[in-house]
């Protein structure tokens, strides 16, 4: 995919995953793009571990893989950024 397609794809996947993980109010458009692209990478890695293809283009299956990966990335981020009060 081209750079513009990755940005659009990342923004869409990041925005949907931020709605699922309830972090939409905490992150802006740039963070949605970054989380979405990172999610596509993580989702692709996870799918390759199961012997399947990851993100193959701008299609529904790839979007779902990217959303799942972005949710994983946001869950990790949320667990690491939680303040512990002792």
PDB file of N, CA and C in Angstrom:
ATOM      1  N   UNK A   1       0.849  -1.176   0.000  1.00  0.00           N
ATOM      2  CA  UNK A   1       0.000   0.000   0.000  1.00  0.00           C
ATOM      3  C   UNK A   1       0.893   1.237   0.000  1.00  0.00           C
ATOM      4  N   UNK A   2       0.366   2.317  -0.533  1.00  0.00           N
ATOM      5  CA  UNK A   2       1.090   3.572  -0.527  1.00  0.00           C
ATOM      6  C   UNK A   2       1.015   4.250   0.827  1.00  0.00           C
ATOM      7  N   UNK A   3       1.819   5.276   0.993  1.00  0.00           N
ATOM      8  CA  UNK A   3       1.877   6.006   2.264  1.00  0.00           C
ATOM      9  C   UNK A   3       0.517   6.583   2.639  1.00  0.00           C
ATOM     10  N   UNK A   4      -0.157   7.212   1.693  1.00  0.00           N
ATOM     11  CA  UNK A   4      -1.460   7.811   1.975  1.00  0.00           C
ATOM     12  C   UNK A   4      -2.475   6.749   2.375  1.00  0.00           C
ATOM     13  N   UNK A   5      -2.439   5.610   1.720  1.00  0.00           N
ATOM     14  CA  UNK A   5      -3.361   4.523   2.062  1.00  0.00           C
ATOM     15  C   UNK A   5      -3.080   4.007   3.473  1.00  0.00           C
ATOM     16  N   UNK A   6      -1.790   3.908   3.850  1.00  0.00           N
ATOM     17  CA  UNK A   6      -1.456   3.466   5.202  1.00  0.00           C
ATOM     18  C   UNK A   6      -1.947   4.467   6.244  1.00  0.00           C
ATOM     19  N   UNK A   7      -1.837   5.751   5.951  1.00  0.00           N
ATOM     20  CA  UNK A   7      -2.294   6.777   6.893  1.00  0.00           C
ATOM     21  C   UNK A   7      -3.812   6.699   7.055  1.00  0.00           C
ATOM     22  N   UNK A   8      -4.534   6.588   5.960  1.00  0.00           N
ATOM     23  CA  UNK A   8      -5.997   6.486   6.030  1.00  0.00           C
ATOM     24  C   UNK A   8      -6.405   5.200   6.738  1.00  0.00           C
ATOM     25  N   UNK A   9      -5.769   4.091   6.367  1.00  0.00           N
ATOM     26  CA  UNK A   9      -6.048   2.797   6.976  1.00  0.00           C
ATOM     27  C   UNK A   9      -5.734   2.832   8.473  1.00  0.00           C
ATOM     28  N   UNK A  10      -4.596   3.411   8.834  1.00  0.00           N
ATOM     29  CA  UNK A  10      -4.213   3.520  10.235  1.00  0.00           C
ATOM     30  C   UNK A  10      -5.156   4.402  11.029  1.00  0.00           C
ATOM     31  N   UNK A  11      -5.580   5.508  10.428  1.00  0.00           N
ATOM     32  CA  UNK A  11      -6.517   6.405  11.115  1.00  0.00           C
ATOM     33  C   UNK A  11      -7.843   5.699  11.384  1.00  0.00           C
ATOM     34  N   UNK A  12      -8.334   4.971  10.410  1.00  0.00           N
ATOM     35  CA  UNK A  12      -9.603   4.255  10.571  1.00  0.00           C
ATOM     36  C   UNK A  12      -9.480   3.155  11.622  1.00  0.00           C
ATOM     37  N   UNK A  13      -8.449   2.336  11.529  1.00  0.00           N
ATOM     38  CA  UNK A  13      -8.255   1.252  12.494  1.00  0.00           C
ATOM     39  C   UNK A  13      -8.002   1.805  13.897  1.00  0.00           C
ATOM     40  N   UNK A  14      -7.201   2.847  13.996  1.00  0.00           N
ATOM     41  CA  UNK A  14      -6.912   3.458  15.294  1.00  0.00           C
ATOM     42  C   UNK A  14      -8.133   4.084  15.923  1.00  0.00           C
ATOM     43  N   UNK A  15      -8.949   4.742  15.114  1.00  0.00           N
ATOM     44  CA  UNK A  15     -10.160   5.376  15.639  1.00  0.00           C
ATOM     45  C   UNK A  15     -11.148   4.328  16.139  1.00  0.00           C
ATOM     46  N   UNK A  16     -11.365   3.275  15.364  1.00  0.00           N
ATOM     47  CA  UNK A  16     -12.305   2.223  15.778  1.00  0.00           C
ATOM     48  C   UNK A  16     -11.795   1.529  17.039  1.00  0.00           C
ATOM     49  N   UNK A  17     -10.505   1.245  17.095  1.00  0.00           N
ATOM     50  CA  UNK A  17      -9.971   0.584  18.289  1.00  0.00           C
ATOM     51  C   UNK A  17     -10.025   1.505  19.509  1.00  0.00           C
ATOM     52  N   UNK A  18      -9.856   2.804  19.309  1.00  0.00           N
ATOM     53  CA  UNK A  18      -9.955   3.725  20.448  1.00  0.00           C
ATOM     54  C   UNK A  18     -11.387   3.813  20.960  1.00  0.00           C
ATOM     55  N   UNK A  19     -12.363   3.646  20.080  1.00  0.00           N
ATOM     56  CA  UNK A  19     -13.748   3.590  20.529  1.00  0.00           C
ATOM     57  C   UNK A  19     -14.008   2.311  21.318  1.00  0.00           C
ATOM     58  N   UNK A  20     -13.460   1.196  20.838  1.00  0.00           N
ATOM     59  CA  UNK A  20     -13.638  -0.086  21.523  1.00  0.00           C
ATOM     60  C   UNK A  20     -12.979  -0.063  22.905  1.00  0.00           C
ATOM     61  N   UNK A  21     -11.774   0.484  22.967  1.00  0.00           N
ATOM     62  CA  UNK A  21     -11.010   0.500  24.223  1.00  0.00           C
ATOM     63  C   UNK A  21     -11.324   1.714  25.091  1.00  0.00           C
ATOM     64  N   UNK A  22     -12.238   2.555  24.663  1.00  0.00           N
ATOM     65  CA  UNK A  22     -12.680   3.749  25.393  1.00  0.00           C
ATOM     66  C   UNK A  22     -11.532   4.718  25.709  1.00  0.00           C
ATOM     67  N   UNK A  23     -10.669   4.936  24.701  1.00  0.00           N
ATOM     68  CA  UNK A  23      -9.578   5.905  24.844  1.00  0.00           C
ATOM     69  C   UNK A  23      -9.703   7.032  23.829  1.00  0.00           C
ATOM     70  N   UNK A  24     -10.856   7.145  23.187  1.00  0.00           N
ATOM     71  CA  UNK A  24     -11.026   8.122  22.112  1.00  0.00           C
ATOM     72  C   UNK A  24     -10.857   9.556  22.603  1.00  0.00           C
ATOM     73  N   UNK A  25     -11.328   9.846  23.812  1.00  0.00           N
ATOM     74  CA  UNK A  25     -11.228  11.221  24.311  1.00  0.00           C
ATOM     75  C   UNK A  25      -9.803  11.573  24.718  1.00  0.00           C
ATOM     76  N   UNK A  26      -8.946  10.581  24.905  1.00  0.00           N
ATOM     77  CA  UNK A  26      -7.577  10.828  25.354  1.00  0.00           C
ATOM     78  C   UNK A  26      -6.589  10.963  24.207  1.00  0.00           C
ATOM     79  N   UNK A  27      -6.967  10.537  23.021  1.00  0.00           N
ATOM     80  CA  UNK A  27      -6.009  10.574  21.915  1.00  0.00           C
ATOM     81  C   UNK A  27      -6.595  11.336  20.735  1.00  0.00           C
ATOM     82  N   UNK A  28      -5.722  11.996  20.023  1.00  0.00           N
ATOM     83  CA  UNK A  28      -6.145  12.782  18.875  1.00  0.00           C
ATOM     84  C   UNK A  28      -5.984  12.017  17.579  1.00  0.00           C
ATOM     85  N   UNK A  29      -6.096  12.726  16.491  1.00  0.00           N
ATOM     86  CA  UNK A  29      -6.039  12.105  15.165  1.00  0.00           C
ATOM     87  C   UNK A  29      -4.670  11.494  14.876  1.00  0.00           C
ATOM     88  N   UNK A  30      -3.612  12.184  15.250  1.00  0.00           N
ATOM     89  CA  UNK A  30      -2.273  11.656  14.998  1.00  0.00           C
ATOM     90  C   UNK A  30      -2.040  10.364  15.779  1.00  0.00           C
ATOM     91  N   UNK A  31      -2.494  10.328  17.014  1.00  0.00           N
ATOM     92  CA  UNK A  31      -2.349   9.113  17.824  1.00  0.00           C
ATOM     93  C   UNK A  31      -3.178   7.975  17.238  1.00  0.00           C
ATOM     94  N   UNK A  32      -4.353   8.279  16.685  1.00  0.00           N
ATOM     95  CA  UNK A  32      -5.159   7.253  16.027  1.00  0.00           C
ATOM     96  C   UNK A  32      -4.396   6.631  14.856  1.00  0.00           C
ATOM     97  N   UNK A  33      -3.721   7.458  14.073  1.00  0.00           N
ATOM     98  CA  UNK A  33      -2.948   6.962  12.933  1.00  0.00           C
ATOM     99  C   UNK A  33      -1.816   6.067  13.415  1.00  0.00           C
ATOM    100  N   UNK A  34      -1.087   6.544  14.416  1.00  0.00           N
ATOM    101  CA  UNK A  34       0.051   5.779  14.943  1.00  0.00           C
ATOM    102  C   UNK A  34      -0.418   4.455  15.526  1.00  0.00           C
ATOM    103  N   UNK A  35      -1.471   4.487  16.322  1.00  0.00           N
ATOM    104  CA  UNK A  35      -2.000   3.259  16.930  1.00  0.00           C
ATOM    105  C   UNK A  35      -2.514   2.308  15.853  1.00  0.00           C
ATOM    106  N   UNK A  36      -3.160   2.836  14.839  1.00  0.00           N
ATOM    107  CA  UNK A  36      -3.673   1.991  13.762  1.00  0.00           C
ATOM    108  C   UNK A  36      -2.580   1.321  12.957  1.00  0.00           C
ATOM    109  N   UNK A  37      -1.525   2.053  12.631  1.00  0.00           N
ATOM    110  CA  UNK A  37      -0.411   1.470  11.881  1.00  0.00           C
ATOM    111  C   UNK A  37       0.337   0.458  12.753  1.00  0.00           C
ATOM    112  N   UNK A  38       0.549   0.795  14.018  1.00  0.00           N
ATOM    113  CA  UNK A  38       1.169  -0.143  14.944  1.00  0.00           C
ATOM    114  C   UNK A  38       0.295  -1.384  15.114  1.00  0.00           C
ATOM    115  N   UNK A  39      -1.016  -1.177  15.173  1.00  0.00           N
ATOM    116  CA  UNK A  39      -1.941  -2.294  15.282  1.00  0.00           C
ATOM    117  C   UNK A  39      -1.904  -3.203  14.070  1.00  0.00           C
ATOM    118  N   UNK A  40      -1.749  -2.625  12.892  1.00  0.00           N
ATOM    119  CA  UNK A  40      -1.631  -3.435  11.677  1.00  0.00           C
ATOM    120  C   UNK A  40      -0.371  -4.283  11.734  1.00  0.00           C
ATOM    121  N   UNK A  41       0.709  -3.707  12.241  1.00  0.00           N
ATOM    122  CA  UNK A  41       1.954  -4.446  12.372  1.00  0.00           C
ATOM    123  C   UNK A  41       1.812  -5.578  13.394  1.00  0.00           C
ATOM    124  N   UNK A  42       1.269  -5.270  14.576  1.00  0.00           N
ATOM    125  CA  UNK A  42       1.088  -6.280  15.623  1.00  0.00           C
ATOM    126  C   UNK A  42       0.114  -7.358  15.159  1.00  0.00           C
ATOM    127  N   UNK A  43      -0.987  -6.944  14.562  1.00  0.00           N
ATOM    128  CA  UNK A  43      -1.959  -7.916  14.054  1.00  0.00           C
ATOM    129  C   UNK A  43      -1.366  -8.822  12.995  1.00  0.00           C
ATOM    130  N   UNK A  44      -0.525  -8.262  12.136  1.00  0.00           N
ATOM    131  CA  UNK A  44       0.145  -9.059  11.115  1.00  0.00           C
ATOM    132  C   UNK A  44       1.093 -10.077  11.724  1.00  0.00           C
ATOM    133  N   UNK A  45       1.817  -9.671  12.768  1.00  0.00           N
ATOM    134  CA  UNK A  45       2.709 -10.598  13.449  1.00  0.00           C
ATOM    135  C   UNK A  45       1.935 -11.732  14.108  1.00  0.00           C
ATOM    136  N   UNK A  46       0.850 -11.387  14.788  1.00  0.00           N
ATOM    137  CA  UNK A  46       0.036 -12.405  15.463  1.00  0.00           C
ATOM    138  C   UNK A  46      -0.563 -13.373  14.444  1.00  0.00           C
ATOM    139  N   UNK A  47      -1.066 -12.851  13.347  1.00  0.00           N
ATOM    140  CA  UNK A  47      -1.661 -13.722  12.324  1.00  0.00           C
ATOM    141  C   UNK A  47      -0.611 -14.630  11.696  1.00  0.00           C
ATOM    142  N   UNK A  48       0.610 -14.142  11.530  1.00  0.00           N
ATOM    143  CA  UNK A  48       1.660 -14.981  10.951  1.00  0.00           C
ATOM    144  C   UNK A  48       2.059 -16.103  11.906  1.00  0.00           C
ATOM    145  N   UNK A  49       1.926 -15.870  13.216  1.00  0.00           N
ATOM    146  CA  UNK A  49       2.195 -16.931  14.181  1.00  0.00           C
ATOM    147  C   UNK A  49       1.187 -18.072  14.052  1.00  0.00           C
ATOM    148  N   UNK A  50      -0.025 -17.748  13.630  1.00  0.00           N
ATOM    149  CA  UNK A  50      -1.065 -18.754  13.433  1.00  0.00           C
ATOM    150  C   UNK A  50      -1.053 -19.319  12.014  1.00  0.00           C
ATOM    151  N   UNK A  51      -0.081 -18.931  11.209  1.00  0.00           N
ATOM    152  CA  UNK A  51       0.047 -19.461   9.863  1.00  0.00           C
ATOM    153  C   UNK A  51      -0.863 -18.812   8.841  1.00  0.00           C
ATOM    154  N   UNK A  52      -1.390 -17.649   9.156  1.00  0.00           N
ATOM    155  CA  UNK A  52      -2.284 -16.935   8.244  1.00  0.00           C
ATOM    156  C   UNK A  52      -1.613 -15.641   7.802  1.00  0.00           C
ATOM    157  N   UNK A  53      -2.173 -15.041   6.775  1.00  0.00           N
ATOM    158  CA  UNK A  53      -1.650 -13.756   6.317  1.00  0.00           C
ATOM    159  C   UNK A  53      -2.153 -12.639   7.219  1.00  0.00           C
ATOM    160  N   UNK A  54      -1.345 -11.611   7.354  1.00  0.00           N
ATOM    161  CA  UNK A  54      -1.721 -10.461   8.162  1.00  0.00           C
ATOM    162  C   UNK A  54      -2.488  -9.450   7.333  1.00  0.00           C
ATOM    163  N   UNK A  55      -1.978  -8.251   7.268  1.00  0.00           N
ATOM    164  CA  UNK A  55      -2.598  -7.171   6.511  1.00  0.00           C
ATOM    165  C   UNK A  55      -2.159  -7.310   5.057  1.00  0.00           C
ATOM    166  N   UNK A  56      -3.124  -7.532   4.175  1.00  0.00           N
ATOM    167  CA  UNK A  56      -2.818  -7.788   2.770  1.00  0.00           C
ATOM    168  C   UNK A  56      -3.217  -6.649   1.851  1.00  0.00           C
ATOM    169  N   UNK A  57      -3.847  -5.628   2.365  1.00  0.00           N
ATOM    170  CA  UNK A  57      -4.273  -4.509   1.544  1.00  0.00           C
ATOM    171  C   UNK A  57      -5.396  -3.762   2.223  1.00  0.00           C
ATOM    172  N   UNK A  58      -6.071  -2.952   1.472  1.00  0.00           N
ATOM    173  CA  UNK A  58      -7.163  -2.140   2.007  1.00  0.00           C
ATOM    174  C   UNK A  58      -8.462  -2.932   1.838  1.00  0.00           C
ATOM    175  N   UNK A  59      -8.710  -3.868   2.755  1.00  0.00           N
ATOM    176  CA  UNK A  59      -9.920  -4.684   2.710  1.00  0.00           C
ATOM    177  C   UNK A  59     -10.427  -4.927   4.129  1.00  0.00           C
ATOM    178  N   UNK A  60     -11.606  -5.510   4.243  1.00  0.00           N
ATOM    179  CA  UNK A  60     -12.250  -5.702   5.545  1.00  0.00           C
ATOM    180  C   UNK A  60     -11.427  -6.623   6.446  1.00  0.00           C
ATOM    181  N   UNK A  61     -10.922  -7.721   5.893  1.00  0.00           N
ATOM    182  CA  UNK A  61     -10.151  -8.672   6.693  1.00  0.00           C
ATOM    183  C   UNK A  61      -8.918  -7.989   7.287  1.00  0.00           C
ATOM    184  N   UNK A  62      -8.220  -7.234   6.494  1.00  0.00           N
ATOM    185  CA  UNK A  62      -7.033  -6.525   6.973  1.00  0.00           C
ATOM    186  C   UNK A  62      -7.402  -5.468   8.008  1.00  0.00           C
ATOM    187  N   UNK A  63      -8.539  -4.813   7.823  1.00  0.00           N
ATOM    188  CA  UNK A  63      -8.991  -3.821   8.792  1.00  0.00           C
ATOM    189  C   UNK A  63      -9.274  -4.482  10.140  1.00  0.00           C
ATOM    190  N   UNK A  64      -9.909  -5.647  10.120  1.00  0.00           N
ATOM    191  CA  UNK A  64     -10.204  -6.364  11.361  1.00  0.00           C
ATOM    192  C   UNK A  64      -8.910  -6.787  12.051  1.00  0.00           C
ATOM    193  N   UNK A  65      -7.946  -7.279  11.279  1.00  0.00           N
ATOM    194  CA  UNK A  65      -6.642  -7.649  11.842  1.00  0.00           C
ATOM    195  C   UNK A  65      -5.974  -6.427  12.472  1.00  0.00           C
ATOM    196  N   UNK A  66      -6.017  -5.290  11.802  1.00  0.00           N
ATOM    197  CA  UNK A  66      -5.408  -4.063  12.324  1.00  0.00           C
ATOM    198  C   UNK A  66      -6.133  -3.566  13.574  1.00  0.00           C
ATOM    199  N   UNK A  67      -7.436  -3.682  13.603  1.00  0.00           N
ATOM    200  CA  UNK A  67      -8.204  -3.250  14.778  1.00  0.00           C
ATOM    201  C   UNK A  67      -7.862  -4.131  15.979  1.00  0.00           C
ATOM    202  N   UNK A  68      -7.779  -5.435  15.771  1.00  0.00           N
ATOM    203  CA  UNK A  68      -7.416  -6.342  16.863  1.00  0.00           C
ATOM    204  C   UNK A  68      -6.014  -6.017  17.370  1.00  0.00           C
ATOM    205  N   UNK A  69      -5.082  -5.814  16.452  1.00  0.00           N
ATOM    206  CA  UNK A  69      -3.725  -5.451  16.853  1.00  0.00           C
ATOM    207  C   UNK A  69      -3.671  -4.116  17.574  1.00  0.00           C
ATOM    208  N   UNK A  70      -4.462  -3.146  17.121  1.00  0.00           N
ATOM    209  CA  UNK A  70      -4.492  -1.836  17.771  1.00  0.00           C
ATOM    210  C   UNK A  70      -5.112  -1.925  19.164  1.00  0.00           C
ATOM    211  N   UNK A  71      -6.113  -2.775  19.329  1.00  0.00           N
ATOM    212  CA  UNK A  71      -6.700  -2.982  20.659  1.00  0.00           C
ATOM    213  C   UNK A  71      -5.678  -3.595  21.602  1.00  0.00           C
ATOM    214  N   UNK A  72      -4.873  -4.529  21.100  1.00  0.00           N
ATOM    215  CA  UNK A  72      -3.799  -5.111  21.907  1.00  0.00           C
ATOM    216  C   UNK A  72      -2.796  -4.025  22.301  1.00  0.00           C
ATOM    217  N   UNK A  73      -2.411  -3.193  21.341  1.00  0.00           N
ATOM    218  CA  UNK A  73      -1.457  -2.111  21.622  1.00  0.00           C
ATOM    219  C   UNK A  73      -2.027  -1.136  22.647  1.00  0.00           C
ATOM    220  N   UNK A  74      -3.300  -0.784  22.526  1.00  0.00           N
ATOM    221  CA  UNK A  74      -3.918   0.137  23.486  1.00  0.00           C
ATOM    222  C   UNK A  74      -4.046  -0.496  24.864  1.00  0.00           C
ATOM    223  N   UNK A  75      -4.337  -1.783  24.928  1.00  0.00           N
ATOM    224  CA  UNK A  75      -4.426  -2.470  26.217  1.00  0.00           C
ATOM    225  C   UNK A  75      -3.073  -2.475  26.912  1.00  0.00           C
ATOM    226  N   UNK A  76      -2.015  -2.721  26.158  1.00  0.00           N
ATOM    227  CA  UNK A  76      -0.668  -2.681  26.729  1.00  0.00           C
ATOM    228  C   UNK A  76      -0.343  -1.274  27.209  1.00  0.00           C
ATOM    229  N   UNK A  77      -0.669  -0.282  26.382  1.00  0.00           N
ATOM    230  CA  UNK A  77      -0.408   1.113  26.752  1.00  0.00           C
ATOM    231  C   UNK A  77      -1.184   1.507  28.011  1.00  0.00           C
ATOM    232  N   UNK A  78      -2.463   1.109  28.077  1.00  0.00           N
ATOM    233  CA  UNK A  78      -3.277   1.449  29.236  1.00  0.00           C
ATOM    234  C   UNK A  78      -2.744   0.790  30.505  1.00  0.00           C
ATOM    235  N   UNK A  79      -2.286  -0.450  30.396  1.00  0.00           N
ATOM    236  CA  UNK A  79      -1.777  -1.137  31.581  1.00  0.00           C
ATOM    237  C   UNK A  79      -0.457  -0.543  32.038  1.00  0.00           C
ATOM    238  N   UNK A  80       0.351  -0.059  31.113  1.00  0.00           N
ATOM    239  CA  UNK A  80       1.642   0.529  31.474  1.00  0.00           C
ATOM    240  C   UNK A  80       1.500   1.961  31.999  1.00  0.00           C
ATOM    241  N   UNK A  81       0.472   2.669  31.560  1.00  0.00           N
ATOM    242  CA  UNK A  81       0.336   4.070  31.954  1.00  0.00           C
ATOM    243  C   UNK A  81      -0.547   4.261  33.176  1.00  0.00           C
ATOM    244  N   UNK A  82      -1.125   3.192  33.673  1.00  0.00           N
ATOM    245  CA  UNK A  82      -1.952   3.301  34.871  1.00  0.00           C
ATOM    246  C   UNK A  82      -1.097   3.710  36.058  1.00  0.00           C
ATOM    247  N   UNK A  83      -1.565   4.703  36.777  1.00  0.00           N
ATOM    248  CA  UNK A  83      -0.825   5.155  37.949  1.00  0.00           C
ATOM    249  C   UNK A  83      -1.172   4.244  39.116  1.00  0.00           C
ATOM    250  N   UNK A  84      -0.154   3.797  39.795  1.00  0.00           N
ATOM    251  CA  UNK A  84      -0.383   2.957  40.966  1.00  0.00           C
ATOM    252  C   UNK A  84      -0.322   3.831  42.197  1.00  0.00           C
ATOM    253  N   UNK A  85      -1.295   3.715  43.039  1.00  0.00           N
ATOM    254  CA  UNK A  85      -1.331   4.488  44.283  1.00  0.00           C
ATOM    255  C   UNK A  85      -1.103   3.524  45.437  1.00  0.00           C
ATOM    256  N   UNK A  86      -0.116   3.831  46.191  1.00  0.00           N
ATOM    257  CA  UNK A  86       0.231   2.962  47.322  1.00  0.00           C
ATOM    258  C   UNK A  86       0.062   3.730  48.595  1.00  0.00           C
TER     259      UNK A  86
END
